[in-house]
C-alpha atoms as a PDB file:
ATOM      1  CA  MET A   1     -24.900 -34.559   0.083  1.00  0.00           C
ATOM      2  CA  ALA A   2     -23.225 -30.882   0.031  1.00  0.00           C
ATOM      3  CA  PHE A   3     -19.632 -30.358   0.605  1.00  0.00           C
ATOM      4  CA  LYS A   4     -19.134 -27.175   2.594  1.00  0.00           C
ATOM      5  CA  PHE A   5     -15.518 -25.612   2.518  1.00  0.00           C
ATOM      6  CA  LYS A   6     -14.815 -22.752   4.964  1.00  0.00           C
ATOM      7  CA  LEU A   7     -11.710 -20.568   4.360  1.00  0.00           C
ATOM      8  CA  PRO A   8      -9.808 -19.823   7.591  1.00  0.00           C
ATOM      9  CA  GLU A   9     -10.007 -16.378   9.107  1.00  0.00           C
ATOM     10  CA  PHE A  10      -7.018 -14.513   9.503  1.00  0.00           C
ATOM     11  CA  LYS A  11      -6.866 -11.703  12.225  1.00  0.00           C
ATOM     12  CA  GLN A  12      -5.750  -8.345  10.797  1.00  0.00           C
ATOM     13  CA  PRO A  13      -3.675  -6.363  13.226  1.00  0.00           C
ATOM     14  CA  GLU A  14      -5.315  -3.029  11.857  1.00  0.00           C
ATOM     15  CA  LYS A  15      -7.578  -2.354   9.168  1.00  0.00           C
ATOM     16  CA  CYS A  16      -6.322   1.000   8.095  1.00  0.00           C
ATOM     17  CA  ASN A  17      -3.318   2.828   9.386  1.00  0.00           C
ATOM     18  CA  VAL A  18      -2.601   5.291   6.401  1.00  0.00           C
ATOM     19  CA  GLY A  19      -4.841   8.467   6.311  1.00  0.00           C
ATOM     20  CA  LYS A  20      -6.355  10.382   3.364  1.00  0.00           C
ATOM     21  CA  LYS A  21      -3.555  12.852   2.957  1.00  0.00           C
ATOM     22  CA  ASP A  22      -0.954  10.182   3.156  1.00  0.00           C
ATOM     23  CA  ARG A  23      -2.652   8.013   0.597  1.00  0.00           C
ATOM     24  CA  ILE A  24      -3.046  11.012  -1.836  1.00  0.00           C
ATOM     25  CA  ILE A  25       0.728  11.817  -1.296  1.00  0.00           C
ATOM     26  CA  ARG A  26       1.670   8.068  -1.966  1.00  0.00           C
ATOM     27  CA  LEU A  27      -0.560   8.004  -4.999  1.00  0.00           C
ATOM     28  CA  ALA A  28       1.038  11.137  -6.541  1.00  0.00           C
ATOM     29  CA  VAL A  29       4.640   9.927  -5.718  1.00  0.00           C
ATOM     30  CA  ALA A  30       3.823   6.561  -7.274  1.00  0.00           C
ATOM     31  CA  VAL A  31       2.433   8.182 -10.547  1.00  0.00           C
ATOM     32  CA  LEU A  32       5.611  10.344 -10.679  1.00  0.00           C
ATOM     33  CA  LEU A  33       7.823   7.308 -10.239  1.00  0.00           C
ATOM     34  CA  LEU A  34       5.868   5.380 -12.928  1.00  0.00           C
ATOM     35  CA  ILE A  35       6.433   8.100 -15.387  1.00  0.00           C
ATOM     36  CA  GLY A  36      10.202   8.185 -14.505  1.00  0.00           C
ATOM     37  CA  PHE A  37      10.093   4.256 -15.154  1.00  0.00           C
ATOM     38  CA  TYR A  38       8.495   4.751 -18.403  1.00  0.00           C
ATOM     39  CA  ARG A  39      10.972   7.523 -19.548  1.00  0.00           C
ATOM     40  CA  GLY A  40      13.854   5.230 -18.769  1.00  0.00           C
ATOM     41  CA  GLY A  41      16.895   5.527 -16.300  1.00  0.00           C
ATOM     42  CA  PHE A  42      19.539   3.373 -14.659  1.00  0.00           C
ATOM     43  CA  HIS A  43      17.340   1.498 -12.105  1.00  0.00           C
ATOM     44  CA  ASN A  44      14.034   1.063 -13.810  1.00  0.00           C
ATOM     45  CA  TRP A  45      13.046  -2.123 -11.972  1.00  0.00           C
ATOM     46  CA  VAL A  46      13.787  -0.518  -8.557  1.00  0.00           C
ATOM     47  CA  ILE A  47      11.592   2.604  -9.569  1.00  0.00           C
ATOM     48  CA  ALA A  48       8.768   0.240 -10.620  1.00  0.00           C
ATOM     49  CA  LEU A  49       8.967  -1.763  -7.451  1.00  0.00           C
ATOM     50  CA  ILE A  50       8.795   1.254  -5.178  1.00  0.00           C
ATOM     51  CA  ALA A  51       5.893   2.652  -7.211  1.00  0.00           C
ATOM     52  CA  LEU A  52       3.882  -0.667  -7.051  1.00  0.00           C
ATOM     53  CA  VAL A  53       4.517  -0.636  -3.141  1.00  0.00           C
ATOM     54  CA  LEU A  54       3.245   2.888  -2.929  1.00  0.00           C
ATOM     55  CA  LEU A  55       0.143   2.036  -4.998  1.00  0.00           C
ATOM     56  CA  ALA A  56      -0.802  -0.905  -3.215  1.00  0.00           C
ATOM     57  CA  THR A  57      -0.293   0.728   0.377  1.00  0.00           C
ATOM     58  CA  ALA A  58      -2.613   3.625  -0.970  1.00  0.00           C
ATOM     59  CA  TYR A  59      -5.198   1.377  -2.383  1.00  0.00           C
ATOM     60  CA  PHE A  60      -5.355  -0.903   0.675  1.00  0.00           C
ATOM     61  CA  GLY A  61      -4.945   1.807   3.380  1.00  0.00           C
ATOM     62  CA  PHE A  62      -2.425  -0.342   5.131  1.00  0.00           C
ATOM     63  CA  CYS A  63       1.461  -0.056   5.473  1.00  0.00           C
ATOM     64  CA  PRO A  64       3.264  -2.773   7.204  1.00  0.00           C
ATOM     65  CA  ALA A  65       6.080  -0.437   7.909  1.00  0.00           C
ATOM     66  CA  TYR A  66       3.634   1.823   9.944  1.00  0.00           C
ATOM     67  CA  LEU A  67       2.807  -1.303  11.939  1.00  0.00           C
ATOM     68  CA  VAL A  68       6.336  -1.774  12.937  1.00  0.00           C
ATOM     69  CA  THR A  69       7.046   1.756  13.784  1.00  0.00           C
ATOM     70  CA  LYS A  70       3.450   1.933  15.537  1.00  0.00           C
ATOM     71  CA  THR A  71       2.530   4.965  13.402  1.00  0.00           C
ATOM     72  CA  ASN A  72      -1.061   5.591  12.243  1.00  0.00           C
ATOM     73  CA  THR A  73      -1.838   8.727  10.197  1.00  0.00           C
ATOM     74  CA  ASN A  74      -5.538   7.623   9.817  1.00  0.00           C
ATOM     75  CA  GLN A  75      -7.532  10.341  11.736  1.00  0.00           C
ATOM     76  CA  LYS A  76     -10.625   8.930  13.267  1.00  0.00           C
ATOM     77  CA  ASP A  77     -13.357  11.452  14.058  1.00  0.00           C
END
């Protein structure tokens, strides 16, 4: 007797709302912020958190703030 476990399916509102240029810019800014984080400064943890958010949104191609503002920079051909 085999036990089958099925994970619940979650409906995603949008698959990708961040375009290619936007992702490149987010990645570049995140790298610069991480360099600033390692060099030191006053609010290091804030800089690191912003950089991690930018890296995550660039990697996944989804920005929750764009969902709220109904913005989509992903150009579909």
